[in-house]
Amino acid sequence: VLLLIVFAIISPAYTFWFPHRLLFLMRLPLAILAVYGIIYAAKKYNVSEKKIIALLVILSLPSLVAAEIRYDRLGREDVTSYSEEDIEALKFLKTQPFGVMLSSPKIGTFGPSIADKKSVMFGWPTPIIVDDYSGKLSDYTNFYSSGYDDKLSIIKKYNVDYIFFGENELKISGDKAIFDDATFLEKIYDSKSKIYRAAK
């Protein structure tokens, strides 16, 4: 626990609002605890620590290979990077007061590290770490869909301050001007990617 506190202090801003960072943050403390577990198991079952470590390595190989295959596939599908337009929009968003950002899961997962904002949607490509991911994904899809009228209720539900609209969000809406006539949104960044401020 003390190690977690120390690493939380020295890690980048908003660590605990960014689950991917928290997962990396926990690796060293868990590895340290695992050493004690190995020593305990070796004494209890009267086997050497080296044999236990070898067994753990063998058991972990399938998951390591599967992870490598998965991320190789993601890289080939070109879904592991942001467009220059999205990055510039996120850099602009960093200059704005702190708040909550609504965007696609892809932008919401790594965007906070660029924009220094809290994100409603994150967990890409590992949604299992997100509480009520299916509900949030449904709200996100509805919000960016042109046929959904009650967008203001979603803003209030998640206390959203900023709406991000880039290439990923456009895939949902299919309409670049979907928010231009919304009286409860103010466009504060207008380029190929757009950012709106929510009026509450």
C-alpha atoms as a PDB file:
ATOM      1  CA  VAL A   1       0.000   0.000   0.000  1.00  0.00           C
ATOM      2  CA  LEU A   2       2.827   2.386   0.869  1.00  0.00           C
ATOM      3  CA  LEU A   3       4.505   1.660  -2.475  1.00  0.00           C
ATOM      4  CA  LEU A   4       1.263   2.396  -4.302  1.00  0.00           C
ATOM      5  CA  ILE A   5       1.005   5.746  -2.501  1.00  0.00           C
ATOM      6  CA  VAL A   6       4.597   6.649  -3.361  1.00  0.00           C
ATOM      7  CA  PHE A   7       4.232   5.682  -7.013  1.00  0.00           C
ATOM      8  CA  ALA A   8       0.911   7.550  -7.223  1.00  0.00           C
ATOM      9  CA  ILE A   9       2.625  10.735  -6.040  1.00  0.00           C
ATOM     10  CA  ILE A  10       5.507  10.537  -8.521  1.00  0.00           C
ATOM     11  CA  SER A  11       3.447   9.316 -11.485  1.00  0.00           C
ATOM     12  CA  PRO A  12       1.857  11.640 -14.105  1.00  0.00           C
ATOM     13  CA  ALA A  13      -1.201  13.685 -13.223  1.00  0.00           C
ATOM     14  CA  TYR A  14      -4.608  12.080 -12.733  1.00  0.00           C
ATOM     15  CA  THR A  15      -3.226   8.543 -12.388  1.00  0.00           C
ATOM     16  CA  PHE A  16      -6.277   7.084 -10.713  1.00  0.00           C
ATOM     17  CA  TRP A  17      -8.579   8.520 -13.377  1.00  0.00           C
ATOM     18  CA  PHE A  18      -6.568   6.647 -15.994  1.00  0.00           C
ATOM     19  CA  PRO A  19      -6.875   2.901 -15.297  1.00  0.00           C
ATOM     20  CA  HIS A  20      -4.166   1.893 -17.753  1.00  0.00           C
ATOM     21  CA  ARG A  21      -1.652   3.871 -15.717  1.00  0.00           C
ATOM     22  CA  LEU A  22      -2.930   2.349 -12.519  1.00  0.00           C
ATOM     23  CA  LEU A  23      -2.386  -1.147 -13.907  1.00  0.00           C
ATOM     24  CA  PHE A  24       1.232  -0.336 -14.759  1.00  0.00           C
ATOM     25  CA  LEU A  25       1.599   1.312 -11.370  1.00  0.00           C
ATOM     26  CA  MET A  26       0.669  -1.913  -9.588  1.00  0.00           C
ATOM     27  CA  ARG A  27       3.127  -4.172 -11.390  1.00  0.00           C
ATOM     28  CA  LEU A  28       6.169  -3.497  -9.219  1.00  0.00           C
ATOM     29  CA  PRO A  29       4.351  -3.837  -5.855  1.00  0.00           C
ATOM     30  CA  LEU A  30       2.691  -7.047  -7.074  1.00  0.00           C
ATOM     31  CA  ALA A  31       6.031  -8.416  -8.265  1.00  0.00           C
ATOM     32  CA  ILE A  32       7.534  -7.702  -4.838  1.00  0.00           C
ATOM     33  CA  LEU A  33       4.640  -9.468  -3.127  1.00  0.00           C
ATOM     34  CA  ALA A  34       5.028 -12.417  -5.510  1.00  0.00           C
ATOM     35  CA  VAL A  35       8.576 -12.978  -4.258  1.00  0.00           C
ATOM     36  CA  TYR A  36       7.253 -13.571  -0.758  1.00  0.00           C
ATOM     37  CA  GLY A  37       4.633 -15.934  -2.179  1.00  0.00           C
ATOM     38  CA  ILE A  38       7.288 -17.955  -3.990  1.00  0.00           C
ATOM     39  CA  ILE A  39       9.424 -18.219  -0.847  1.00  0.00           C
ATOM     40  CA  TYR A  40       6.405 -19.293   1.202  1.00  0.00           C
ATOM     41  CA  ALA A  41       5.355 -21.938  -1.360  1.00  0.00           C
ATOM     42  CA  ALA A  42       8.916 -23.290  -1.590  1.00  0.00           C
ATOM     43  CA  LYS A  43       9.095 -23.814   2.163  1.00  0.00           C
ATOM     44  CA  LYS A  44       5.598 -25.235   2.446  1.00  0.00           C
ATOM     45  CA  TYR A  45       5.953 -27.793  -0.347  1.00  0.00           C
ATOM     46  CA  ASN A  46       9.703 -28.351   0.095  1.00  0.00           C
ATOM     47  CA  VAL A  47      10.691 -27.445  -3.459  1.00  0.00           C
ATOM     48  CA  SER A  48      13.285 -24.985  -4.729  1.00  0.00           C
ATOM     49  CA  GLU A  49      12.353 -21.422  -5.648  1.00  0.00           C
ATOM     50  CA  LYS A  50      13.904 -21.964  -9.103  1.00  0.00           C
ATOM     51  CA  LYS A  51      11.465 -24.784  -9.888  1.00  0.00           C
ATOM     52  CA  ILE A  52       8.500 -22.634  -8.865  1.00  0.00           C
ATOM     53  CA  ILE A  53       9.735 -19.735 -10.999  1.00  0.00           C
ATOM     54  CA  ALA A  54      10.275 -22.091 -13.951  1.00  0.00           C
ATOM     55  CA  LEU A  55       6.726 -23.419 -13.543  1.00  0.00           C
ATOM     56  CA  LEU A  56       5.304 -19.876 -13.430  1.00  0.00           C
ATOM     57  CA  VAL A  57       7.218 -18.943 -16.592  1.00  0.00           C
ATOM     58  CA  ILE A  58       5.890 -21.994 -18.432  1.00  0.00           C
ATOM     59  CA  LEU A  59       2.320 -21.314 -17.301  1.00  0.00           C
ATOM     60  CA  SER A  60       2.556 -17.670 -18.394  1.00  0.00           C
ATOM     61  CA  LEU A  61       3.820 -18.423 -21.912  1.00  0.00           C
ATOM     62  CA  PRO A  62       0.362 -18.944 -23.500  1.00  0.00           C
ATOM     63  CA  SER A  63      -0.899 -15.573 -22.249  1.00  0.00           C
ATOM     64  CA  LEU A  64       2.307 -13.828 -23.372  1.00  0.00           C
ATOM     65  CA  VAL A  65       2.026 -15.323 -26.860  1.00  0.00           C
ATOM     66  CA  ALA A  66      -1.682 -14.478 -27.058  1.00  0.00           C
ATOM     67  CA  ALA A  67      -0.988 -10.881 -25.996  1.00  0.00           C
ATOM     68  CA  GLU A  68       1.745 -10.528 -28.617  1.00  0.00           C
ATOM     69  CA  ILE A  69      -0.569 -11.866 -31.341  1.00  0.00           C
ATOM     70  CA  ARG A  70      -3.353  -9.525 -30.234  1.00  0.00           C
ATOM     71  CA  TYR A  71      -1.250  -6.353 -30.229  1.00  0.00           C
ATOM     72  CA  ASP A  72       0.381  -7.324 -33.497  1.00  0.00           C
ATOM     73  CA  ARG A  73      -3.123  -7.588 -34.990  1.00  0.00           C
ATOM     74  CA  LEU A  74      -4.097  -4.206 -33.548  1.00  0.00           C
ATOM     75  CA  GLY A  75      -0.996  -2.643 -35.049  1.00  0.00           C
ATOM     76  CA  ARG A  76      -1.718  -4.125 -38.472  1.00  0.00           C
ATOM     77  CA  GLU A  77      -5.241  -2.727 -38.324  1.00  0.00           C
ATOM     78  CA  ASP A  78      -3.759   0.738 -37.675  1.00  0.00           C
ATOM     79  CA  VAL A  79      -5.844   1.318 -34.564  1.00  0.00           C
ATOM     80  CA  THR A  80      -2.988   2.034 -32.180  1.00  0.00           C
ATOM     81  CA  SER A  81      -2.340   5.646 -33.168  1.00  0.00           C
ATOM     82  CA  TYR A  82      -4.129   8.994 -33.274  1.00  0.00           C
ATOM     83  CA  SER A  83      -4.381  11.268 -36.281  1.00  0.00           C
ATOM     84  CA  GLU A  84      -2.407  14.523 -36.223  1.00  0.00           C
ATOM     85  CA  GLU A  85      -5.691  16.432 -36.191  1.00  0.00           C
ATOM     86  CA  ASP A  86      -6.905  14.584 -33.086  1.00  0.00           C
ATOM     87  CA  ILE A  87      -3.590  15.156 -31.308  1.00  0.00           C
ATOM     88  CA  GLU A  88      -3.669  18.890 -32.059  1.00  0.00           C
ATOM     89  CA  ALA A  89      -7.234  19.075 -30.757  1.00  0.00           C
ATOM     90  CA  LEU A  90      -6.205  17.279 -27.554  1.00  0.00           C
ATOM     91  CA  LYS A  91      -3.278  19.666 -27.122  1.00  0.00           C
ATOM     92  CA  PHE A  92      -5.702  22.576 -27.393  1.00  0.00           C
ATOM     93  CA  LEU A  93      -7.990  20.936 -24.865  1.00  0.00           C
ATOM     94  CA  LYS A  94      -5.073  20.848 -22.429  1.00  0.00           C
ATOM     95  CA  THR A  95      -5.126  24.665 -22.361  1.00  0.00           C
ATOM     96  CA  GLN A  96      -8.727  24.672 -21.120  1.00  0.00           C
ATOM     97  CA  PRO A  97      -9.875  24.430 -17.472  1.00  0.00           C
ATOM     98  CA  PHE A  98      -9.992  20.947 -16.013  1.00  0.00           C
ATOM     99  CA  GLY A  99     -13.166  18.974 -16.679  1.00  0.00           C
ATOM    100  CA  VAL A 100     -14.752  15.798 -17.996  1.00  0.00           C
ATOM    101  CA  MET A 101     -14.369  14.849 -21.657  1.00  0.00           C
ATOM    102  CA  LEU A 102     -16.753  12.740 -23.730  1.00  0.00           C
ATOM    103  CA  SER A 103     -15.211  11.011 -26.736  1.00  0.00           C
ATOM    104  CA  SER A 104     -14.747   7.625 -28.348  1.00  0.00           C
ATOM    105  CA  PRO A 105     -13.196   4.889 -26.171  1.00  0.00           C
ATOM    106  CA  LYS A 106     -10.013   5.070 -28.254  1.00  0.00           C
ATOM    107  CA  ILE A 107      -9.558   8.802 -27.654  1.00  0.00           C
ATOM    108  CA  GLY A 108     -10.762   8.510 -24.067  1.00  0.00           C
ATOM    109  CA  THR A 109      -8.207   5.848 -23.130  1.00  0.00           C
ATOM    110  CA  PHE A 110      -5.001   7.714 -23.960  1.00  0.00           C
ATOM    111  CA  GLY A 111      -6.343  11.223 -24.577  1.00  0.00           C
ATOM    112  CA  PRO A 112      -6.274  12.213 -20.884  1.00  0.00           C
ATOM    113  CA  SER A 113      -2.480  11.895 -20.876  1.00  0.00           C
ATOM    114  CA  ILE A 114      -2.355  14.566 -23.601  1.00  0.00           C
ATOM    115  CA  ALA A 115      -5.288  16.772 -22.619  1.00  0.00           C
ATOM    116  CA  ASP A 116      -5.092  16.402 -18.807  1.00  0.00           C
ATOM    117  CA  LYS A 117      -8.834  15.851 -18.623  1.00  0.00           C
ATOM    118  CA  LYS A 118     -10.973  13.166 -17.043  1.00  0.00           C
ATOM    119  CA  SER A 119     -12.650  10.880 -19.569  1.00  0.00           C
ATOM    120  CA  VAL A 120     -16.071   9.228 -19.560  1.00  0.00           C
ATOM    121  CA  MET A 121     -15.111   6.588 -22.124  1.00  0.00           C
ATOM    122  CA  PHE A 122     -11.875   4.634 -21.739  1.00  0.00           C
ATOM    123  CA  GLY A 123     -10.770   1.033 -21.521  1.00  0.00           C
ATOM    124  CA  TRP A 124      -9.828   0.578 -25.176  1.00  0.00           C
ATOM    125  CA  PRO A 125      -8.899  -2.089 -26.129  1.00  0.00           C
ATOM    126  CA  THR A 126      -9.530  -3.673 -22.687  1.00  0.00           C
ATOM    127  CA  PRO A 127     -13.062  -2.669 -21.610  1.00  0.00           C
ATOM    128  CA  ILE A 128     -13.126  -5.234 -18.800  1.00  0.00           C
ATOM    129  CA  ILE A 129     -11.436  -2.675 -16.510  1.00  0.00           C
ATOM    130  CA  VAL A 130     -14.308  -0.174 -16.858  1.00  0.00           C
ATOM    131  CA  ASP A 131     -17.324  -0.128 -14.563  1.00  0.00           C
ATOM    132  CA  ASP A 132     -20.582  -0.406 -16.566  1.00  0.00           C
ATOM    133  CA  TYR A 133     -18.711  -0.224 -19.870  1.00  0.00           C
ATOM    134  CA  SER A 134     -21.713  -1.459 -21.881  1.00  0.00           C
ATOM    135  CA  GLY A 135     -23.926   1.284 -20.421  1.00  0.00           C
ATOM    136  CA  LYS A 136     -21.354   3.984 -21.120  1.00  0.00           C
ATOM    137  CA  LEU A 137     -20.774   2.643 -24.624  1.00  0.00           C
ATOM    138  CA  SER A 138     -24.525   2.782 -25.282  1.00  0.00           C
ATOM    139  CA  ASP A 139     -24.701   6.393 -24.064  1.00  0.00           C
ATOM    140  CA  TYR A 140     -21.657   7.319 -26.144  1.00  0.00           C
ATOM    141  CA  THR A 141     -23.165   5.751 -29.275  1.00  0.00           C
ATOM    142  CA  ASN A 142     -26.498   7.481 -28.666  1.00  0.00           C
ATOM    143  CA  PHE A 143     -24.869  10.846 -28.083  1.00  0.00           C
ATOM    144  CA  TYR A 144     -22.959  10.788 -31.361  1.00  0.00           C
ATOM    145  CA  SER A 145     -25.885   9.368 -33.334  1.00  0.00           C
ATOM    146  CA  SER A 146     -27.867  11.868 -35.376  1.00  0.00           C
ATOM    147  CA  GLY A 147     -31.161  10.132 -34.619  1.00  0.00           C
ATOM    148  CA  TYR A 148     -30.863  10.537 -30.835  1.00  0.00           C
ATOM    149  CA  ASP A 149     -32.397  13.737 -29.457  1.00  0.00           C
ATOM    150  CA  ASP A 150     -31.859  13.574 -25.691  1.00  0.00           C
ATOM    151  CA  LYS A 151     -28.131  14.398 -25.750  1.00  0.00           C
ATOM    152  CA  LEU A 152     -28.391  16.901 -22.906  1.00  0.00           C
ATOM    153  CA  SER A 153     -29.400  14.170 -20.462  1.00  0.00           C
ATOM    154  CA  ILE A 154     -26.139  12.315 -21.199  1.00  0.00           C
ATOM    155  CA  ILE A 155     -24.143  15.479 -20.554  1.00  0.00           C
ATOM    156  CA  LYS A 156     -25.846  15.876 -17.186  1.00  0.00           C
ATOM    157  CA  LYS A 157     -25.547  12.176 -16.335  1.00  0.00           C
ATOM    158  CA  TYR A 158     -21.745  12.206 -16.606  1.00  0.00           C
ATOM    159  CA  ASN A 159     -21.242  15.892 -15.777  1.00  0.00           C
ATOM    160  CA  VAL A 160     -19.540  16.388 -19.150  1.00  0.00           C
ATOM    161  CA  ASP A 161     -17.643  19.631 -19.788  1.00  0.00           C
ATOM    162  CA  TYR A 162     -16.137  18.949 -23.222  1.00  0.00           C
ATOM    163  CA  ILE A 163     -17.281  17.055 -26.306  1.00  0.00           C
ATOM    164  CA  PHE A 164     -14.535  15.723 -28.553  1.00  0.00           C
ATOM    165  CA  PHE A 165     -15.399  15.186 -32.198  1.00  0.00           C
ATOM    166  CA  GLY A 166     -12.728  13.603 -34.384  1.00  0.00           C
ATOM    167  CA  GLU A 167     -12.406  10.830 -36.945  1.00  0.00           C
ATOM    168  CA  ASN A 168     -13.531   8.080 -34.535  1.00  0.00           C
ATOM    169  CA  GLU A 169     -16.636   9.983 -33.447  1.00  0.00           C
ATOM    170  CA  LEU A 170     -17.464  10.798 -37.059  1.00  0.00           C
ATOM    171  CA  LYS A 171     -17.716   7.065 -37.767  1.00  0.00           C
ATOM    172  CA  ILE A 172     -20.694   6.968 -35.376  1.00  0.00           C
ATOM    173  CA  SER A 173     -22.491  10.121 -36.478  1.00  0.00           C
ATOM    174  CA  GLY A 174     -21.664  10.231 -40.185  1.00  0.00           C
ATOM    175  CA  ASP A 175     -22.372  13.967 -39.999  1.00  0.00           C
ATOM    176  CA  LYS A 176     -19.591  16.530 -39.453  1.00  0.00           C
ATOM    177  CA  ALA A 177     -22.117  19.219 -38.488  1.00  0.00           C
ATOM    178  CA  ILE A 178     -24.131  17.093 -36.060  1.00  0.00           C
ATOM    179  CA  PHE A 179     -23.544  19.471 -33.117  1.00  0.00           C
ATOM    180  CA  ASP A 180     -23.400  22.807 -34.939  1.00  0.00           C
ATOM    181  CA  ASP A 181     -27.011  23.703 -34.165  1.00  0.00           C
ATOM    182  CA  ALA A 182     -27.013  22.414 -30.573  1.00  0.00           C
ATOM    183  CA  THR A 183     -27.879  25.343 -28.294  1.00  0.00           C
ATOM    184  CA  PHE A 184     -26.304  23.630 -25.279  1.00  0.00           C
ATOM    185  CA  LEU A 185     -22.867  23.315 -26.947  1.00  0.00           C
ATOM    186  CA  GLU A 186     -20.294  25.984 -27.762  1.00  0.00           C
ATOM    187  CA  LYS A 187     -17.656  25.186 -30.387  1.00  0.00           C
ATOM    188  CA  ILE A 188     -14.269  26.163 -28.948  1.00  0.00           C
ATOM    189  CA  TYR A 189     -12.001  24.377 -31.419  1.00  0.00           C
ATOM    190  CA  ASP A 190     -12.821  24.171 -35.105  1.00  0.00           C
ATOM    191  CA  SER A 191     -10.600  22.174 -37.421  1.00  0.00           C
ATOM    192  CA  LYS A 192     -10.865  18.720 -38.960  1.00  0.00           C
ATOM    193  CA  SER A 193     -11.308  17.601 -35.360  1.00  0.00           C
ATOM    194  CA  LYS A 194     -13.627  19.715 -33.233  1.00  0.00           C
ATOM    195  CA  ILE A 195     -14.172  20.395 -29.535  1.00  0.00           C
ATOM    196  CA  TYR A 196     -17.346  21.723 -27.940  1.00  0.00           C
ATOM    197  CA  ARG A 197     -17.897  23.101 -24.446  1.00  0.00           C
ATOM    198  CA  ALA A 198     -21.100  22.002 -22.748  1.00  0.00           C
ATOM    199  CA  ALA A 199     -23.352  24.679 -21.307  1.00  0.00           C
ATOM    200  CA  LYS A 200     -24.821  23.396 -18.053  1.00  0.00           C
END
